[in-house]
Amino acid sequence: MKTFIIDDDPISTCLTEMVLKLEGFTENALTFASAEEGLHFITEDLGENVPRVIFLDLNMPTMNGWQFLQALKPHENKISEACSIYILTSSIDPSEQTMAKEYAVVRGFISKPLTEEHLQGIKQELSQAS
């Protein structure tokens, strides 16, 4: 399953990759250290470059997760069937959880770190959507 991790924190990215591999979620996640890189890659070829799952951090310099989602919004209709975004953040702000619901492509809000239980829930959601 094509999976992207968009997070500027290398330790968090490494931990997320390890959990994904240990749980058999994906063998090779593509990581982006900035939201701009991820956005450019996805929008460069919407047919080929859209992953099944994106784990998106909110707090990043230059372009944060909210700005990424806003920039992706014009493409939401094209990608929402094929892609599910899970916000993976250290934030526990309830207002951010509410804001996340404004984006059709966002399927969940996860407080770091990603766990086996989170992935089991995501796998279940994805299989029900198929």
C-alpha atoms as a PDB file:
ATOM      1  CA  MET A   1       0.000   0.000   0.000  1.00  0.00           C
ATOM      2  CA  LYS A   2       1.488   3.307  -1.067  1.00  0.00           C
ATOM      3  CA  THR A   3       1.953   5.389   2.086  1.00  0.00           C
ATOM      4  CA  PHE A   4       3.411   8.851   2.570  1.00  0.00           C
ATOM      5  CA  ILE A   5       4.691  10.410   5.772  1.00  0.00           C
ATOM      6  CA  ILE A   6       4.886  14.202   5.747  1.00  0.00           C
ATOM      7  CA  ASP A   7       6.750  15.313   8.861  1.00  0.00           C
ATOM      8  CA  ASP A   8       9.771  17.534   9.467  1.00  0.00           C
ATOM      9  CA  ASP A   9      10.873  15.629  12.599  1.00  0.00           C
ATOM     10  CA  PRO A  10      13.280  12.812  11.637  1.00  0.00           C
ATOM     11  CA  ILE A  11      12.808  10.959  14.937  1.00  0.00           C
ATOM     12  CA  SER A  12       9.034  10.966  14.595  1.00  0.00           C
ATOM     13  CA  THR A  13       9.321   9.889  10.960  1.00  0.00           C
ATOM     14  CA  CYS A  14      11.639   7.021  11.899  1.00  0.00           C
ATOM     15  CA  LEU A  15       9.278   5.824  14.649  1.00  0.00           C
ATOM     16  CA  THR A  16       6.290   5.995  12.298  1.00  0.00           C
ATOM     17  CA  GLU A  17       8.154   4.027   9.620  1.00  0.00           C
ATOM     18  CA  MET A  18       9.119   1.356  12.162  1.00  0.00           C
ATOM     19  CA  VAL A  19       5.538   0.899  13.355  1.00  0.00           C
ATOM     20  CA  LEU A  20       4.277   0.721   9.763  1.00  0.00           C
ATOM     21  CA  LYS A  21       6.805  -2.019   8.934  1.00  0.00           C
ATOM     22  CA  LEU A  22       6.335  -3.955  12.176  1.00  0.00           C
ATOM     23  CA  GLU A  23       2.581  -4.053  11.670  1.00  0.00           C
ATOM     24  CA  GLY A  24       2.861  -5.022   7.997  1.00  0.00           C
ATOM     25  CA  PHE A  25       1.027  -1.875   6.934  1.00  0.00           C
ATOM     26  CA  THR A  26       3.571  -1.030   4.255  1.00  0.00           C
ATOM     27  CA  GLU A  27       7.073  -2.150   3.397  1.00  0.00           C
ATOM     28  CA  ASN A  28       8.252   1.154   2.035  1.00  0.00           C
ATOM     29  CA  ALA A  29       6.751   4.446   3.087  1.00  0.00           C
ATOM     30  CA  LEU A  30       7.803   7.498   1.142  1.00  0.00           C
ATOM     31  CA  THR A  31       8.758  10.325   3.472  1.00  0.00           C
ATOM     32  CA  PHE A  32       8.788  14.064   2.919  1.00  0.00           C
ATOM     33  CA  ALA A  33      10.534  16.415   5.349  1.00  0.00           C
ATOM     34  CA  SER A  34       8.339  19.313   4.251  1.00  0.00           C
ATOM     35  CA  ALA A  35       4.735  19.787   3.243  1.00  0.00           C
ATOM     36  CA  GLU A  36       5.859  21.601   0.076  1.00  0.00           C
ATOM     37  CA  GLU A  37       7.801  18.551  -1.124  1.00  0.00           C
ATOM     38  CA  GLY A  38       4.847  16.250  -0.513  1.00  0.00           C
ATOM     39  CA  LEU A  39       2.386  18.616  -2.173  1.00  0.00           C
ATOM     40  CA  HIS A  40       4.595  19.074  -5.226  1.00  0.00           C
ATOM     41  CA  PHE A  41       5.067  15.322  -5.613  1.00  0.00           C
ATOM     42  CA  ILE A  42       1.356  14.541  -5.296  1.00  0.00           C
ATOM     43  CA  THR A  43       0.117  17.300  -7.595  1.00  0.00           C
ATOM     44  CA  GLU A  44       2.810  16.696 -10.215  1.00  0.00           C
ATOM     45  CA  ASP A  45       0.876  13.632 -11.419  1.00  0.00           C
ATOM     46  CA  LEU A  46      -2.447  13.191  -9.625  1.00  0.00           C
ATOM     47  CA  GLY A  47      -3.128   9.875 -11.306  1.00  0.00           C
ATOM     48  CA  GLU A  48       0.164   8.191 -10.472  1.00  0.00           C
ATOM     49  CA  ASN A  49       1.489   9.923  -7.361  1.00  0.00           C
ATOM     50  CA  VAL A  50      -1.524   9.791  -5.055  1.00  0.00           C
ATOM     51  CA  PRO A  51      -0.912   7.395  -2.153  1.00  0.00           C
ATOM     52  CA  ARG A  52      -3.547   5.323  -0.384  1.00  0.00           C
ATOM     53  CA  VAL A  53      -2.613   6.858   2.981  1.00  0.00           C
ATOM     54  CA  ILE A  54      -0.842  10.037   4.093  1.00  0.00           C
ATOM     55  CA  PHE A  55       0.273  10.610   7.669  1.00  0.00           C
ATOM     56  CA  LEU A  56       0.468  14.398   7.973  1.00  0.00           C
ATOM     57  CA  ASP A  57       2.097  16.418  10.737  1.00  0.00           C
ATOM     58  CA  LEU A  58       0.559  19.815  11.452  1.00  0.00           C
ATOM     59  CA  ASN A  59       3.445  21.756  12.958  1.00  0.00           C
ATOM     60  CA  MET A  60       6.076  22.290  10.281  1.00  0.00           C
ATOM     61  CA  PRO A  61       7.991  25.383   9.186  1.00  0.00           C
ATOM     62  CA  THR A  62       7.281  27.246   5.936  1.00  0.00           C
ATOM     63  CA  MET A  63       4.103  25.282   5.085  1.00  0.00           C
ATOM     64  CA  ASN A  64       2.254  23.630   7.940  1.00  0.00           C
ATOM     65  CA  GLY A  65      -0.242  20.792   7.701  1.00  0.00           C
ATOM     66  CA  TRP A  66      -3.228  23.132   7.463  1.00  0.00           C
ATOM     67  CA  GLN A  67      -1.651  25.017   4.576  1.00  0.00           C
ATOM     68  CA  PHE A  68      -0.929  21.671   2.882  1.00  0.00           C
ATOM     69  CA  LEU A  69      -4.585  20.657   3.205  1.00  0.00           C
ATOM     70  CA  GLN A  70      -5.735  24.046   1.917  1.00  0.00           C
ATOM     71  CA  ALA A  71      -3.414  23.763  -1.113  1.00  0.00           C
ATOM     72  CA  LEU A  72      -4.707  20.237  -1.765  1.00  0.00           C
ATOM     73  CA  LYS A  73      -8.370  21.304  -1.485  1.00  0.00           C
ATOM     74  CA  PRO A  74      -8.794  22.119  -5.236  1.00  0.00           C
ATOM     75  CA  HIS A  75      -7.771  18.511  -5.960  1.00  0.00           C
ATOM     76  CA  GLU A  76      -9.896  16.935  -3.211  1.00  0.00           C
ATOM     77  CA  ASN A  77     -12.544  15.580  -5.593  1.00  0.00           C
ATOM     78  CA  LYS A  78      -9.887  13.788  -7.640  1.00  0.00           C
ATOM     79  CA  ILE A  79      -8.055  12.235  -4.724  1.00  0.00           C
ATOM     80  CA  SER A  80     -10.604  11.715  -1.930  1.00  0.00           C
ATOM     81  CA  GLU A  81     -11.722   8.335  -3.304  1.00  0.00           C
ATOM     82  CA  ALA A  82      -8.165   7.014  -3.553  1.00  0.00           C
ATOM     83  CA  CYS A  83      -6.442   8.711  -0.618  1.00  0.00           C
ATOM     84  CA  SER A  84      -7.026   8.963   3.116  1.00  0.00           C
ATOM     85  CA  ILE A  85      -5.135  11.513   5.175  1.00  0.00           C
ATOM     86  CA  TYR A  86      -4.548  10.905   8.858  1.00  0.00           C
ATOM     87  CA  ILE A  87      -3.273  13.867  10.799  1.00  0.00           C
ATOM     88  CA  LEU A  88      -0.439  12.582  12.991  1.00  0.00           C
ATOM     89  CA  THR A  89       0.513  15.306  15.413  1.00  0.00           C
ATOM     90  CA  SER A  90       1.702  16.091  18.902  1.00  0.00           C
ATOM     91  CA  SER A  91      -1.163  18.593  19.199  1.00  0.00           C
ATOM     92  CA  ILE A  92      -4.053  17.721  21.469  1.00  0.00           C
ATOM     93  CA  ASP A  93      -6.016  20.889  20.748  1.00  0.00           C
ATOM     94  CA  PRO A  94      -9.733  19.980  20.358  1.00  0.00           C
ATOM     95  CA  SER A  95     -10.247  22.922  17.972  1.00  0.00           C
ATOM     96  CA  GLU A  96      -7.731  21.367  15.573  1.00  0.00           C
ATOM     97  CA  GLN A  97      -9.633  18.097  15.678  1.00  0.00           C
ATOM     98  CA  THR A  98     -12.766  20.036  14.734  1.00  0.00           C
ATOM     99  CA  MET A  99     -10.944  21.885  11.932  1.00  0.00           C
ATOM    100  CA  ALA A 100      -9.752  18.572  10.493  1.00  0.00           C
ATOM    101  CA  LYS A 101     -13.374  17.572   9.851  1.00  0.00           C
ATOM    102  CA  GLU A 102     -13.658  20.398   7.316  1.00  0.00           C
ATOM    103  CA  TYR A 103     -11.516  18.439   4.860  1.00  0.00           C
ATOM    104  CA  ALA A 104     -13.182  15.499   3.098  1.00  0.00           C
ATOM    105  CA  VAL A 105      -9.868  13.750   2.544  1.00  0.00           C
ATOM    106  CA  VAL A 106      -8.959  13.774   6.279  1.00  0.00           C
ATOM    107  CA  ARG A 107     -10.159  10.510   7.805  1.00  0.00           C
ATOM    108  CA  GLY A 108      -8.669  10.775  11.272  1.00  0.00           C
ATOM    109  CA  PHE A 109      -6.735  12.730  13.869  1.00  0.00           C
ATOM    110  CA  ILE A 110      -4.027  10.794  15.717  1.00  0.00           C
ATOM    111  CA  SER A 111      -1.896  12.021  18.598  1.00  0.00           C
ATOM    112  CA  LYS A 112       1.733  10.946  18.228  1.00  0.00           C
ATOM    113  CA  PRO A 113       3.135   8.390  18.377  1.00  0.00           C
ATOM    114  CA  LEU A 114       1.440   6.089  15.873  1.00  0.00           C
ATOM    115  CA  THR A 115       0.562   2.771  17.533  1.00  0.00           C
ATOM    116  CA  GLU A 116      -0.516  -0.721  16.582  1.00  0.00           C
ATOM    117  CA  GLU A 117      -4.059   0.131  17.716  1.00  0.00           C
ATOM    118  CA  HIS A 118      -4.166   3.176  15.415  1.00  0.00           C
ATOM    119  CA  LEU A 119      -3.081   1.048  12.464  1.00  0.00           C
ATOM    120  CA  GLN A 120      -5.634  -1.661  13.214  1.00  0.00           C
ATOM    121  CA  GLY A 121      -8.364   0.982  13.139  1.00  0.00           C
ATOM    122  CA  ILE A 122      -7.043   2.452   9.901  1.00  0.00           C
ATOM    123  CA  LYS A 123      -6.851  -0.986   8.244  1.00  0.00           C
ATOM    124  CA  GLN A 124     -10.456  -1.630   9.265  1.00  0.00           C
ATOM    125  CA  GLU A 125     -11.599   1.744   7.884  1.00  0.00           C
ATOM    126  CA  LEU A 126      -9.780   1.164   4.597  1.00  0.00           C
ATOM    127  CA  SER A 127     -11.220  -2.320   4.141  1.00  0.00           C
ATOM    128  CA  GLN A 128     -14.755  -1.030   4.787  1.00  0.00           C
ATOM    129  CA  ALA A 129     -14.222   1.745   2.246  1.00  0.00           C
ATOM    130  CA  SER A 130     -13.102  -0.702  -0.456  1.00  0.00           C
END
